[in-house]
Protein backbone atom coordinates (compact mmCIF):
# COMPACT_ATOMS: atom_id res chain seq x y z
CA MET A 1 -100.94 166.00 16.25
CA ARG A 2 -102.69 164.27 19.14
CA TYR A 3 -105.15 162.63 16.75
CA LYS A 4 -102.31 161.28 14.60
CA ALA A 5 -100.56 159.86 17.68
CA GLY A 6 -103.82 158.17 18.70
CA LEU A 7 -104.20 156.60 15.25
CA GLU A 8 -100.60 155.36 15.32
CA THR A 9 -101.13 153.86 18.78
CA ARG A 10 -104.36 152.22 17.62
CA ASP A 11 -102.57 150.76 14.59
CA ARG A 12 -99.77 149.40 16.80
CA ILE A 13 -102.33 147.80 19.14
CA ILE A 14 -104.27 146.24 16.24
CA GLY A 15 -101.03 144.99 14.67
CA ALA A 16 -99.89 143.51 17.98
CA THR A 17 -103.27 141.85 18.52
CA ARG A 18 -103.15 140.37 15.02
CA ARG A 19 -99.61 139.01 15.48
CA LEU A 20 -100.40 137.53 18.89
CA ILE A 21 -103.56 135.79 17.69
CA ALA A 22 -101.69 134.47 14.64
CA ALA A 23 -98.86 133.15 16.81
CA GLY A 24 -100.69 131.81 19.85
CA GLY A 25 -104.44 132.06 19.45
CA LEU A 26 -106.98 133.90 21.57
CA GLU A 27 -105.91 132.31 24.84
CA LYS A 28 -102.41 133.76 24.66
CA THR A 29 -103.61 137.15 23.50
CA THR A 30 -103.92 139.07 26.75
CA ILE A 31 -104.07 142.81 27.30
CA LYS A 32 -100.65 142.62 28.94
CA ALA A 33 -99.21 140.76 25.94
CA ILE A 34 -100.86 143.18 23.50
CA CYS A 35 -99.45 146.20 25.33
CA GLU A 36 -95.97 144.68 25.51
CA GLU A 37 -96.03 143.71 21.82
CA ALA A 38 -97.33 147.15 20.80
CA GLY A 39 -95.00 149.03 23.14
CA VAL A 40 -97.84 150.92 24.83
CA LEU A 41 -99.03 151.31 28.39
CA PRO A 42 -102.31 149.73 29.48
CA GLY A 43 -103.81 153.21 29.90
CA SER A 44 -103.21 153.89 26.21
CA PHE A 45 -104.90 150.61 25.36
CA TYR A 46 -107.97 151.47 27.46
CA ASN A 47 -108.15 154.96 25.93
CA LEU A 48 -108.81 153.28 22.60
CA PHE A 49 -110.49 149.95 23.47
CA ASP A 50 -112.86 148.95 26.25
CA SER A 51 -111.56 145.39 26.38
CA LYS A 52 -109.39 142.76 24.73
CA GLU A 53 -112.52 141.49 22.99
CA GLN A 54 -113.05 144.86 21.32
CA ALA A 55 -109.48 144.81 19.93
CA VAL A 56 -109.96 141.20 18.79
CA LEU A 57 -113.27 142.06 17.10
CA THR A 58 -111.54 144.89 15.25
CA VAL A 59 -108.95 142.41 13.97
CA VAL A 60 -111.73 139.97 13.01
CA ARG A 61 -113.58 142.71 11.11
CA ASP A 62 -110.36 143.57 9.25
CA ALA A 63 -109.87 139.89 8.36
CA ILE A 64 -113.44 139.57 7.12
CA ASP A 65 -113.20 142.77 5.06
CA ALA A 66 -109.92 141.62 3.51
CA VAL A 67 -111.63 138.62 1.87
CA ASP A 68 -114.16 140.73 -0.04
CA PRO A 69 -113.48 141.49 -3.74
CA ASP A 70 -116.62 143.64 -3.99
CA PRO A 71 -116.88 145.67 -0.76
CA GLY A 72 -119.46 147.96 -2.40
CA ARG A 73 -121.72 144.93 -2.93
CA GLU A 74 -122.44 145.89 -6.52
CA GLY A 75 -123.15 142.25 -7.34
CA THR A 76 -120.72 142.01 -10.23
CA ASP A 77 -118.28 139.52 -8.74
CA THR A 78 -117.95 136.10 -10.33
CA VAL A 79 -117.08 132.81 -8.66
CA ASP A 80 -113.53 133.27 -9.97
CA ASP A 81 -113.39 136.81 -8.50
CA LEU A 82 -114.47 135.50 -5.10
CA VAL A 83 -112.04 132.58 -5.18
CA ASP A 84 -109.18 134.81 -6.39
CA ALA A 85 -109.86 137.33 -3.60
CA TYR A 86 -109.70 134.52 -1.05
CA ILE A 87 -106.46 133.19 -2.56
CA GLN A 88 -104.94 136.66 -2.55
CA PHE A 89 -105.96 137.14 1.07
CA LEU A 90 -104.37 133.82 2.08
CA GLU A 91 -101.17 134.39 0.13
CA ASP A 92 -100.61 138.11 0.67
CA ASP A 93 -101.34 138.40 4.39
CA ALA A 94 -100.40 135.16 6.14
CA ASP A 95 -100.80 136.63 9.64
CA LEU A 96 -104.30 137.90 8.98
CA ALA A 97 -105.22 134.63 7.25
CA SER A 98 -103.99 132.75 10.32
CA VAL A 99 -106.09 135.03 12.55
CA TYR A 100 -109.10 134.41 10.34
CA ILE A 101 -108.70 130.63 10.63
CA ARG A 102 -107.93 130.70 14.37
CA ILE A 103 -110.93 132.91 15.10
CA ALA A 104 -113.20 130.68 13.01
CA LEU A 105 -111.98 127.60 14.88
CA SER A 106 -111.86 129.01 18.39
CA GLY A 107 -114.54 131.68 18.23
CA ALA A 108 -117.26 129.21 19.14
CA ARG A 109 -116.56 129.82 22.83
CA ASP A 110 -117.22 133.56 22.57
CA GLN A 111 -120.83 134.26 21.55
CA GLU A 112 -120.06 137.60 19.90
CA LEU A 113 -117.19 136.11 17.88
CA LYS A 114 -119.28 133.07 17.06
CA GLY A 115 -122.07 135.31 15.78
CA ARG A 116 -119.68 137.36 13.63
CA VAL A 117 -118.02 134.29 12.14
CA LEU A 118 -121.39 132.69 11.40
CA ARG A 119 -122.82 135.87 9.84
CA HIS A 120 -119.68 136.23 7.74
CA HIS A 121 -119.91 132.59 6.62
CA GLU A 122 -123.58 132.98 5.69
CA GLY A 123 -122.78 136.19 3.82
CA ARG A 124 -119.99 134.51 1.85
CA VAL A 125 -122.27 131.59 0.98
CA ALA A 126 -124.92 134.04 -0.24
CA ARG A 127 -122.34 135.91 -2.33
CA PHE A 128 -121.07 132.67 -3.90
CA ALA A 129 -124.65 131.44 -4.51
CA SER A 130 -125.51 134.72 -6.20
CA ALA A 131 -122.39 134.52 -8.38
CA ILE A 132 -123.17 130.91 -9.29
CA GLN A 133 -126.70 131.85 -10.35
CA ARG A 134 -125.43 134.80 -12.41
CA GLN A 135 -122.83 132.64 -14.17
CA TYR A 136 -124.89 129.48 -14.55
CA GLY A 137 -128.41 130.76 -15.12
CA ASP A 138 -129.96 127.30 -15.23
CA VAL A 139 -129.03 126.55 -11.59
CA SER A 140 -131.86 126.61 -9.07
CA GLU A 141 -131.56 128.76 -5.98
CA ALA A 142 -131.35 125.65 -3.76
CA GLU A 143 -128.63 124.08 -5.91
CA ALA A 144 -126.67 127.35 -6.06
CA HIS A 145 -126.83 127.60 -2.26
CA ARG A 146 -125.71 123.99 -1.83
CA LYS A 147 -122.81 124.46 -4.25
CA ALA A 148 -121.86 127.73 -2.57
CA GLU A 149 -121.92 126.14 0.90
CA THR A 150 -119.73 123.30 -0.36
CA LEU A 151 -117.32 125.74 -1.98
CA VAL A 152 -117.00 128.03 1.07
CA VAL A 153 -116.48 125.10 3.43
CA GLY A 154 -113.93 123.62 1.03
CA LEU A 155 -112.09 126.95 0.72
CA ASN A 156 -111.91 127.14 4.49
CA GLY A 157 -110.34 123.68 4.48
CA VAL A 158 -107.84 124.79 1.84
CA ALA A 159 -107.08 127.85 3.99
CA LEU A 160 -106.57 125.70 7.07
CA HIS A 161 -104.24 123.38 5.16
CA GLY A 162 -102.33 126.37 3.78
CA THR A 163 -101.99 127.86 7.26
CA VAL A 164 -100.56 124.72 8.86
CA ALA A 165 -98.53 123.45 5.89
CA PRO A 166 -96.26 126.11 4.40
CA GLY A 167 -95.65 125.36 0.74
CA PHE A 168 -99.15 123.94 0.20
CA ASP A 169 -100.37 125.25 -3.17
CA VAL A 170 -103.44 127.13 -2.00
CA ALA A 171 -104.20 128.71 -5.39
CA THR A 172 -104.19 125.47 -7.37
CA HIS A 173 -106.33 123.63 -4.84
CA ALA A 174 -108.79 126.51 -4.41
CA ARG A 175 -109.28 126.90 -8.16
CA ALA A 176 -109.66 123.13 -8.67
CA LEU A 177 -112.22 123.03 -5.87
CA ALA A 178 -114.19 125.86 -7.50
CA ALA A 179 -114.10 124.09 -10.87
CA ASP A 180 -115.24 120.81 -9.32
CA VAL A 181 -118.08 122.37 -7.33
CA THR A 182 -119.41 124.47 -10.21
CA ALA A 183 -119.08 121.74 -12.83
CA PRO A 184 -122.31 120.83 -14.58
CA GLY A 185 -123.91 117.57 -13.60
CA LEU A 186 -124.22 118.07 -9.85
CA SER A 187 -127.92 118.38 -9.21
CA ASP A 188 -130.47 118.77 -6.44
CA GLN A 189 -131.14 115.02 -6.44
CA HIS A 190 -127.76 114.53 -4.72
CA ALA A 191 -128.45 117.16 -2.06
CA PRO A 192 -129.05 115.93 1.49
């Protein structure tokens, strides 16, 4: 019974942290605000988390995991699978998508967050590059990486636009971006 209560409290704290980051960013997400939003005492917070940063990192990890169509890393995902997972993430969980964007934009001030965001970005680029090479076998590794980097950066821009402009057609723009980036004819000679 005690374990279940602890899990429920943890879930309330994570939910409160997510909502606060989505609404006001990291600066307005304080332990006091988290506890008030979650309806818990600070002692309960500290029984589960060492710091605000630990709660925020848990939310970031959840956001990163939510974007992955192939969490087992079996290597079977296609570019469309990866794009569709990102679209679903943005459309189905607006708060978590907002957290994801806010953390990516503001995490540069916190070295641990910055490292997580950068590692996640590099991992997504590698996943897209791998999918591009599987789908388009005649693409060099360098070209696949360049296309993947362009696609991931572009998807992040689509996500940002979708976060700040309700009604923006994220799916159509994300799919068009993927089609443009993976279209034949873009070659290494145009790479910087």
